[in-house]
N, C-alpha and C. Protein backbone atom coordinates (compact mmCIF):
# COMPACT_ATOMS: atom_id res chain seq x y z
N UNK A 1 23.61 112.64 157.00
CA UNK A 1 23.57 113.02 158.09
C UNK A 1 21.57 113.68 158.42
N UNK A 2 21.45 113.54 159.84
CA UNK A 2 19.75 113.47 159.65
C UNK A 2 19.23 115.38 159.99
N UNK A 3 18.28 115.67 159.78
CA UNK A 3 17.74 117.21 159.00
C UNK A 3 16.33 117.09 159.99
N UNK A 4 16.37 118.47 160.39
CA UNK A 4 15.17 118.44 161.57
C UNK A 4 13.79 117.93 159.95
N UNK A 5 12.94 117.45 161.17
CA UNK A 5 11.73 117.18 160.04
C UNK A 5 10.85 118.49 159.78
N UNK A 6 10.37 119.20 161.23
CA UNK A 6 9.67 120.47 160.76
C UNK A 6 10.41 121.50 161.25
N UNK A 7 10.21 122.82 161.40
CA UNK A 7 10.91 123.96 161.83
C UNK A 7 10.74 124.32 162.94
N UNK A 8 11.61 124.74 164.16
CA UNK A 8 11.38 124.96 165.76
C UNK A 8 10.59 126.25 165.48
N UNK A 9 10.08 126.20 166.52
CA UNK A 9 8.86 127.40 166.45
C UNK A 9 9.63 128.82 167.28
N UNK A 10 8.87 129.82 166.54
CA UNK A 10 9.81 131.12 167.49
C UNK A 10 10.03 131.04 168.70
N UNK A 11 9.11 130.68 169.65
CA UNK A 11 9.03 130.17 171.45
C UNK A 11 10.58 129.38 171.58
N UNK A 12 10.56 128.49 170.75
CA UNK A 12 11.60 127.70 171.52
C UNK A 12 12.67 128.15 170.95
N UNK A 13 12.86 128.62 169.35
CA UNK A 13 14.07 129.45 169.39
C UNK A 13 14.59 130.62 170.51
N UNK A 14 13.36 131.52 170.96
CA UNK A 14 13.95 132.36 172.21
C UNK A 14 13.96 131.95 173.52
N UNK A 15 13.33 130.20 173.56
CA UNK A 15 14.03 130.19 175.02
C UNK A 15 15.30 129.56 174.87
N UNK A 16 15.84 129.11 174.23
CA UNK A 16 17.17 128.69 173.64
C UNK A 16 17.80 129.90 173.66
N UNK A 17 18.00 131.22 173.67
CA UNK A 17 18.51 132.39 173.70
C UNK A 17 18.46 133.31 174.75
N UNK A 18 18.17 132.65 175.69
CA UNK A 18 17.28 133.28 176.48
C UNK A 18 18.22 133.39 177.29
N UNK A 19 19.60 132.94 177.41
CA UNK A 19 20.92 133.58 178.29
C UNK A 19 22.04 134.10 177.47
N UNK A 20 21.11 134.74 176.39
CA UNK A 20 22.46 135.00 175.26
C UNK A 20 22.32 136.70 175.78
N UNK A 21 21.90 137.35 176.39
CA UNK A 21 21.62 138.91 176.62
C UNK A 21 22.90 138.95 177.50
N UNK A 22 24.10 140.14 176.88
CA UNK A 22 24.70 141.16 177.48
C UNK A 22 24.18 141.53 178.70
N UNK A 23 25.18 141.31 179.62
CA UNK A 23 24.91 141.99 180.91
C UNK A 23 25.92 143.26 181.13
N UNK A 24 25.40 144.03 182.31
CA UNK A 24 26.19 145.42 183.03
C UNK A 24 27.53 144.57 183.54
N UNK A 25 28.75 145.15 183.86
CA UNK A 25 29.59 144.24 184.59
C UNK A 25 29.03 144.58 185.83
N UNK A 26 29.65 143.77 186.96
CA UNK A 26 29.44 144.33 188.49
C UNK A 26 30.10 144.93 188.62
N UNK A 27 30.24 146.06 189.58
CA UNK A 27 31.10 147.24 189.98
C UNK A 27 31.14 147.71 191.50
N UNK A 28 32.14 147.12 192.29
CA UNK A 28 32.31 147.66 193.91
C UNK A 28 32.93 148.65 193.48
N UNK A 29 32.84 149.67 195.14
CA UNK A 29 33.22 150.92 195.06
C UNK A 29 34.84 150.30 195.59
N UNK A 30 35.56 151.35 195.22
CA UNK A 30 37.14 150.95 195.97
C UNK A 30 36.96 151.17 197.85
N UNK A 31 37.83 150.63 198.57
CA UNK A 31 37.30 151.27 200.09
C UNK A 31 38.05 152.57 200.15
N UNK A 32 39.56 152.44 199.76
CA UNK A 32 40.37 153.26 199.49
C UNK A 32 40.36 154.68 199.18
N UNK A 33 39.48 154.88 197.85
CA UNK A 33 39.23 156.22 196.91
C UNK A 33 37.81 156.28 196.17
N UNK A 34 36.99 155.09 196.70
CA UNK A 34 35.75 155.20 196.42
C UNK A 34 35.45 155.36 194.62
N UNK A 35 36.35 155.14 193.80
CA UNK A 35 36.27 154.45 192.48
C UNK A 35 35.46 153.35 191.94
N UNK A 36 34.59 153.52 191.16
CA UNK A 36 34.08 151.77 190.85
C UNK A 36 35.39 151.30 190.37
N UNK A 37 34.85 150.02 190.92
CA UNK A 37 36.40 148.84 189.76
C UNK A 37 35.41 147.67 189.87
N UNK A 38 35.99 146.59 189.10
CA UNK A 38 35.54 145.20 189.02
C UNK A 38 36.28 144.73 190.18
N UNK A 39 35.32 143.64 190.92
CA UNK A 39 35.26 143.01 192.11
C UNK A 39 37.30 142.05 191.73
N UNK A 40 37.58 142.19 192.93
CA UNK A 40 38.94 141.14 192.96
C UNK A 40 39.91 141.46 191.89
N UNK A 41 40.22 142.64 191.43
CA UNK A 41 40.59 143.27 190.94
C UNK A 41 41.71 144.90 191.44
N UNK A 42 43.17 144.75 190.78
CA UNK A 42 42.97 146.15 191.86
C UNK A 42 42.80 147.60 190.77
N UNK A 43 42.70 148.96 192.01
CA UNK A 43 42.07 150.00 191.52
C UNK A 43 42.65 150.42 190.64
N UNK A 44 42.65 150.98 189.27
CA UNK A 44 43.42 151.38 188.61
C UNK A 44 43.46 152.91 188.49
N UNK A 45 42.97 153.60 189.70
CA UNK A 45 42.66 155.09 189.90
C UNK A 45 44.09 155.29 191.01
N UNK A 46 44.04 153.98 191.94
CA UNK A 46 44.98 154.32 193.16
C UNK A 46 45.74 153.36 193.30
N UNK A 47 45.85 152.29 193.00
CA UNK A 47 46.59 151.36 193.08
C UNK A 47 46.89 150.37 193.85
N UNK A 48 45.36 150.36 194.60
CA UNK A 48 45.45 149.13 196.11
C UNK A 48 44.65 148.35 195.51
N UNK A 49 44.98 147.06 196.19
CA UNK A 49 44.47 145.87 196.61
C UNK A 49 44.22 145.50 197.60
N UNK A 50 43.37 144.57 198.07
CA UNK A 50 43.38 144.67 199.85
C UNK A 50 44.30 145.78 201.00
N UNK A 51 43.82 146.63 200.67
CA UNK A 51 44.41 147.60 201.23
C UNK A 51 46.16 147.82 201.53
N UNK A 52 46.65 147.18 200.90
CA UNK A 52 47.91 147.51 200.61
C UNK A 52 48.26 147.99 198.42
N UNK A 53 49.44 148.96 198.45
CA UNK A 53 49.67 149.11 197.37
C UNK A 53 50.52 148.75 196.60
N UNK A 54 49.37 147.79 195.68
CA UNK A 54 50.21 146.63 194.58
C UNK A 54 50.68 147.46 193.21
N UNK A 55 50.06 148.58 192.66
CA UNK A 55 50.94 148.73 191.77
C UNK A 55 50.68 150.75 191.53
N UNK A 56 52.26 151.01 190.96
CA UNK A 56 52.42 152.80 191.42
C UNK A 56 51.84 152.98 190.26
N UNK A 57 51.04 154.19 190.41
CA UNK A 57 49.65 154.94 189.73
C UNK A 57 50.38 156.07 189.46
N UNK A 58 50.49 156.75 188.08
CA UNK A 58 50.99 158.22 187.63
C UNK A 58 52.47 158.26 188.21
N UNK A 59 52.86 157.57 188.06
CA UNK A 59 54.62 158.14 187.80
C UNK A 59 55.37 156.71 187.19
N UNK A 60 56.68 157.61 186.36
CA UNK A 60 57.19 156.73 185.70
C UNK A 60 58.20 155.89 186.02
N UNK A 61 58.34 155.04 185.15
CA UNK A 61 58.94 153.95 185.60
C UNK A 61 60.30 153.95 185.49
């Protein structure tokens, strides 16, 4: 198997790892209850998605 002839420099290694950083998730406010939530997902506090109730919250099933 081929092996590297010379070792890669630190700058070359760091350029490769430039996209590996963790990012904070994007949060948007729920239009119904103003709680932060992930976009395109049901609000876990009020159960609304796109202006209608999709999830029953706080009730026994």
